[in-house]
N, C-alpha and C. Protein backbone atom coordinates (compact mmCIF):
# COMPACT_ATOMS: atom_id res chain seq x y z
N MET A 1 -12.49 -2.86 -17.16
CA MET A 1 -13.63 -3.26 -18.46
C MET A 1 -14.29 -4.94 -18.19
N SER A 2 -15.67 -4.92 -18.87
CA SER A 2 -16.43 -5.25 -18.00
C SER A 2 -16.16 -6.38 -19.74
N CYS A 3 -16.94 -7.62 -19.35
CA CYS A 3 -17.27 -8.47 -20.33
C CYS A 3 -18.32 -7.57 -21.49
N ALA A 4 -18.96 -6.47 -21.46
CA ALA A 4 -20.03 -6.15 -22.24
C ALA A 4 -18.91 -5.29 -23.29
N GLY A 5 -17.73 -5.06 -23.36
CA GLY A 5 -17.06 -4.28 -24.02
C GLY A 5 -16.35 -2.92 -23.86
N PRO A 6 -15.23 -1.89 -24.22
CA PRO A 6 -14.04 -1.23 -23.91
C PRO A 6 -14.75 -0.18 -23.65
N ARG A 7 -15.22 0.08 -22.63
CA ARG A 7 -15.39 1.81 -22.37
C ARG A 7 -14.22 3.12 -23.33
N ALA A 8 -15.39 4.00 -22.68
CA ALA A 8 -14.57 5.24 -23.30
C ALA A 8 -14.28 6.26 -22.41
N TYR A 9 -14.74 6.04 -21.34
CA TYR A 9 -15.00 7.02 -20.15
C TYR A 9 -14.54 5.66 -18.82
N PRO A 10 -13.27 6.28 -18.17
CA PRO A 10 -13.08 5.54 -16.60
C PRO A 10 -14.34 4.91 -15.56
N SER A 11 -14.36 3.56 -14.98
CA SER A 11 -15.45 3.23 -14.24
C SER A 11 -14.54 3.46 -12.77
N GLY A 12 -16.35 3.04 -12.14
CA GLY A 12 -15.37 3.37 -10.37
C GLY A 12 -15.67 4.22 -10.21
N LEU A 13 -15.36 4.18 -8.56
CA LEU A 13 -16.08 5.14 -7.44
C LEU A 13 -14.40 6.03 -6.79
N PRO A 14 -14.50 6.94 -6.70
CA PRO A 14 -13.12 8.15 -6.15
C PRO A 14 -13.36 7.59 -5.20
N ALA A 15 -12.14 6.76 -5.22
CA ALA A 15 -12.01 6.80 -4.07
C ALA A 15 -10.80 7.74 -2.95
N THR A 16 -11.71 7.97 -1.76
CA THR A 16 -11.09 8.49 -1.33
C THR A 16 -9.49 7.85 0.21
N LYS A 17 -9.00 8.65 1.13
CA LYS A 17 -7.68 8.16 2.29
C LYS A 17 -8.89 7.30 2.75
N LEU A 18 -9.98 7.55 3.21
CA LEU A 18 -11.51 6.75 4.26
C LEU A 18 -10.53 5.11 3.07
N THR A 19 -11.53 5.44 2.51
CA THR A 19 -11.92 4.74 1.70
C THR A 19 -11.02 3.40 1.37
N LEU A 20 -10.09 3.37 1.29
CA LEU A 20 -8.60 2.74 0.67
C LEU A 20 -8.26 1.87 2.37
N GLU A 21 -8.35 2.81 3.30
CA GLU A 21 -7.38 3.06 4.30
C GLU A 21 -8.76 1.30 5.13
N VAL A 22 -9.86 1.73 4.88
CA VAL A 22 -10.84 0.97 5.24
C VAL A 22 -10.55 -0.83 3.64
N GLY A 23 -10.39 -0.40 2.94
CA GLY A 23 -10.33 -1.01 2.43
C GLY A 23 -8.95 -2.07 2.29
N ALA A 24 -7.91 -1.90 2.39
CA ALA A 24 -7.49 -2.36 3.45
C ALA A 24 -6.47 -3.17 3.71
N ILE A 25 -7.77 -2.51 4.98
CA ILE A 25 -7.78 -3.72 5.95
C ILE A 25 -8.35 -4.67 5.65
N LEU A 26 -9.44 -4.54 5.10
CA LEU A 26 -10.37 -6.33 4.11
C LEU A 26 -9.81 -6.95 4.26
N MET A 27 -9.39 -6.12 3.15
CA MET A 27 -7.92 -7.00 1.88
C MET A 27 -7.11 -7.18 2.65
N ARG A 28 -6.86 -6.60 3.90
CA ARG A 28 -5.40 -7.73 4.80
C ARG A 28 -4.12 -7.31 4.01
N THR A 29 -3.47 -5.66 3.60
CA THR A 29 -3.00 -5.61 3.03
C THR A 29 -3.33 -4.06 3.65
N GLU A 30 -1.69 -3.59 2.72
CA GLU A 30 -1.20 -2.01 2.27
C GLU A 30 -2.60 -1.22 1.74
N SER A 31 -2.72 0.15 1.94
CA SER A 31 -3.64 0.75 0.76
C SER A 31 -2.10 1.29 0.68
N GLU A 32 -0.98 1.49 0.57
CA GLU A 32 0.18 1.48 -0.85
C GLU A 32 0.06 0.85 -1.51
N LEU A 33 -0.36 -0.44 -1.93
CA LEU A 33 -0.35 -2.09 -2.61
C LEU A 33 -1.38 -1.67 -3.10
N ILE A 34 -3.21 -1.33 -3.28
CA ILE A 34 -3.97 -0.78 -3.57
C ILE A 34 -3.65 0.58 -4.61
N LEU A 35 -2.91 1.31 -4.54
CA LEU A 35 -3.24 2.11 -5.27
C LEU A 35 -1.68 2.02 -6.23
N LYS A 36 -0.88 0.92 -5.34
CA LYS A 36 -0.12 0.88 -6.60
C LYS A 36 0.12 -0.26 -7.97
N SER A 37 -0.94 -0.87 -7.89
CA SER A 37 -1.98 -2.40 -7.99
C SER A 37 -2.73 -2.26 -9.31
N ARG A 38 -3.01 -1.32 -9.12
CA ARG A 38 -3.87 -0.04 -10.37
C ARG A 38 -3.74 -1.00 -12.03
N ARG A 39 -2.47 -0.70 -12.38
CA ARG A 39 -1.95 -0.28 -13.80
C ARG A 39 -1.08 -1.65 -14.06
N VAL A 40 -0.19 -2.25 -14.50
CA VAL A 40 0.40 -3.13 -14.84
C VAL A 40 1.26 -2.82 -16.76
N ILE A 41 2.07 -2.83 -16.44
CA ILE A 41 2.16 -2.89 -17.88
C ILE A 41 3.98 -3.60 -17.59
N PRO A 42 3.88 -4.34 -18.38
CA PRO A 42 4.71 -5.22 -18.74
C PRO A 42 6.09 -4.78 -19.25
N GLY A 43 6.80 -3.59 -19.54
CA GLY A 43 7.21 -3.91 -20.26
C GLY A 43 9.10 -4.13 -19.95
N VAL A 44 9.25 -4.62 -18.74
CA VAL A 44 10.41 -4.46 -17.69
C VAL A 44 10.76 -5.79 -18.60
N LEU A 45 9.44 -7.29 -17.96
CA LEU A 45 8.73 -8.42 -18.66
C LEU A 45 9.52 -8.34 -19.86
N LEU A 46 9.00 -7.66 -21.04
CA LEU A 46 8.92 -7.94 -22.29
C LEU A 46 10.57 -7.56 -22.18
N GLY A 47 10.93 -6.36 -21.85
CA GLY A 47 12.01 -5.91 -22.51
C GLY A 47 13.99 -7.21 -21.85
N ARG A 48 13.27 -8.14 -20.93
CA ARG A 48 14.26 -9.02 -21.18
C ARG A 48 13.55 -10.33 -21.22
N GLY A 49 12.82 -10.82 -22.50
CA GLY A 49 12.73 -11.67 -23.18
C GLY A 49 11.29 -12.38 -22.61
N SER A 50 10.91 -11.94 -21.93
CA SER A 50 9.48 -12.02 -21.47
C SER A 50 8.39 -12.62 -22.51
N SER A 51 7.56 -13.81 -22.14
CA SER A 51 6.16 -13.24 -23.58
C SER A 51 5.63 -14.08 -23.24
N PHE A 52 3.71 -13.82 -22.95
CA PHE A 52 2.94 -13.96 -22.80
C PHE A 52 2.25 -14.74 -23.88
N HIS A 53 1.38 -15.33 -23.26
CA HIS A 53 0.70 -15.94 -24.08
C HIS A 53 -0.79 -15.47 -24.88
N VAL A 54 -1.41 -13.76 -24.15
CA VAL A 54 -1.93 -12.67 -24.69
C VAL A 54 -0.96 -12.06 -24.86
N PRO A 55 -0.89 -11.58 -26.24
CA PRO A 55 -0.20 -10.43 -25.85
C PRO A 55 -0.41 -8.81 -25.96
N ASP A 56 -2.15 -8.77 -25.95
CA ASP A 56 -2.52 -7.14 -25.51
C ASP A 56 -3.45 -7.51 -24.89
N TRP A 57 -3.73 -6.13 -23.71
CA TRP A 57 -5.10 -6.65 -23.28
C TRP A 57 -6.39 -7.20 -24.00
N PRO A 58 -6.70 -6.04 -24.75
CA PRO A 58 -7.85 -6.01 -25.43
C PRO A 58 -8.29 -7.51 -26.33
N THR A 59 -7.21 -8.65 -26.58
CA THR A 59 -7.78 -9.52 -26.62
C THR A 59 -7.14 -10.28 -25.50
N ALA A 60 -6.86 -10.42 -24.75
CA ALA A 60 -6.67 -10.65 -23.23
C ALA A 60 -7.93 -10.26 -22.57
N ALA A 61 -8.61 -9.71 -22.56
CA ALA A 61 -10.15 -9.22 -22.22
C ALA A 61 -11.40 -10.24 -22.47
N ARG A 62 -11.02 -10.04 -24.39
CA ARG A 62 -11.89 -10.55 -24.95
C ARG A 62 -11.92 -12.39 -24.12
N GLN A 63 -10.90 -13.30 -24.37
CA GLN A 63 -10.64 -13.98 -23.87
C GLN A 63 -10.76 -14.91 -22.55
N LEU A 64 -10.61 -13.38 -21.67
CA LEU A 64 -11.17 -13.92 -20.38
C LEU A 64 -12.89 -14.19 -20.22
N CYS A 65 -12.99 -12.93 -21.33
CA CYS A 65 -15.18 -12.80 -21.12
C CYS A 65 -15.28 -14.40 -21.65
N ALA A 66 -14.89 -14.50 -22.91
CA ALA A 66 -15.00 -15.79 -23.24
C ALA A 66 -15.09 -16.77 -22.43
N ASP A 67 -13.93 -17.43 -21.92
CA ASP A 67 -13.53 -18.32 -21.05
C ASP A 67 -15.17 -18.05 -19.79
N ARG A 68 -15.35 -16.88 -19.30
CA ARG A 68 -16.64 -16.77 -18.62
C ARG A 68 -17.56 -17.33 -18.88
N ARG A 69 -17.42 -16.93 -20.45
CA ARG A 69 -19.34 -17.15 -20.34
C ARG A 69 -19.83 -18.33 -20.55
N SER A 70 -18.56 -19.19 -21.21
CA SER A 70 -18.01 -20.76 -21.45
C SER A 70 -18.19 -21.64 -19.59
N GLY A 71 -17.94 -21.28 -19.01
CA GLY A 71 -17.83 -21.67 -17.61
C GLY A 71 -16.18 -21.99 -17.77
N GLY A 72 -15.40 -21.92 -18.32
CA GLY A 72 -14.46 -22.31 -18.16
C GLY A 72 -12.94 -21.55 -17.13
N ARG A 73 -12.28 -21.29 -16.84
CA ARG A 73 -11.29 -20.47 -15.78
C ARG A 73 -12.31 -19.50 -14.68
């Protein structure tokens, strides 16, 4: 998601195995971590009583964009 707003279609380039392997080398990590780190759902943490400063992704994205525009974090 960009600061321009949500999109109804996925963005990004399709990644082949070779692309992921090269990216993993450049990032000094494992390609499996790249694949499994794409989407995080905090269900386990919420189920165990954790809380978040911002309750949902749209609100968090707006806050991140506002912070970036104002020169914050």
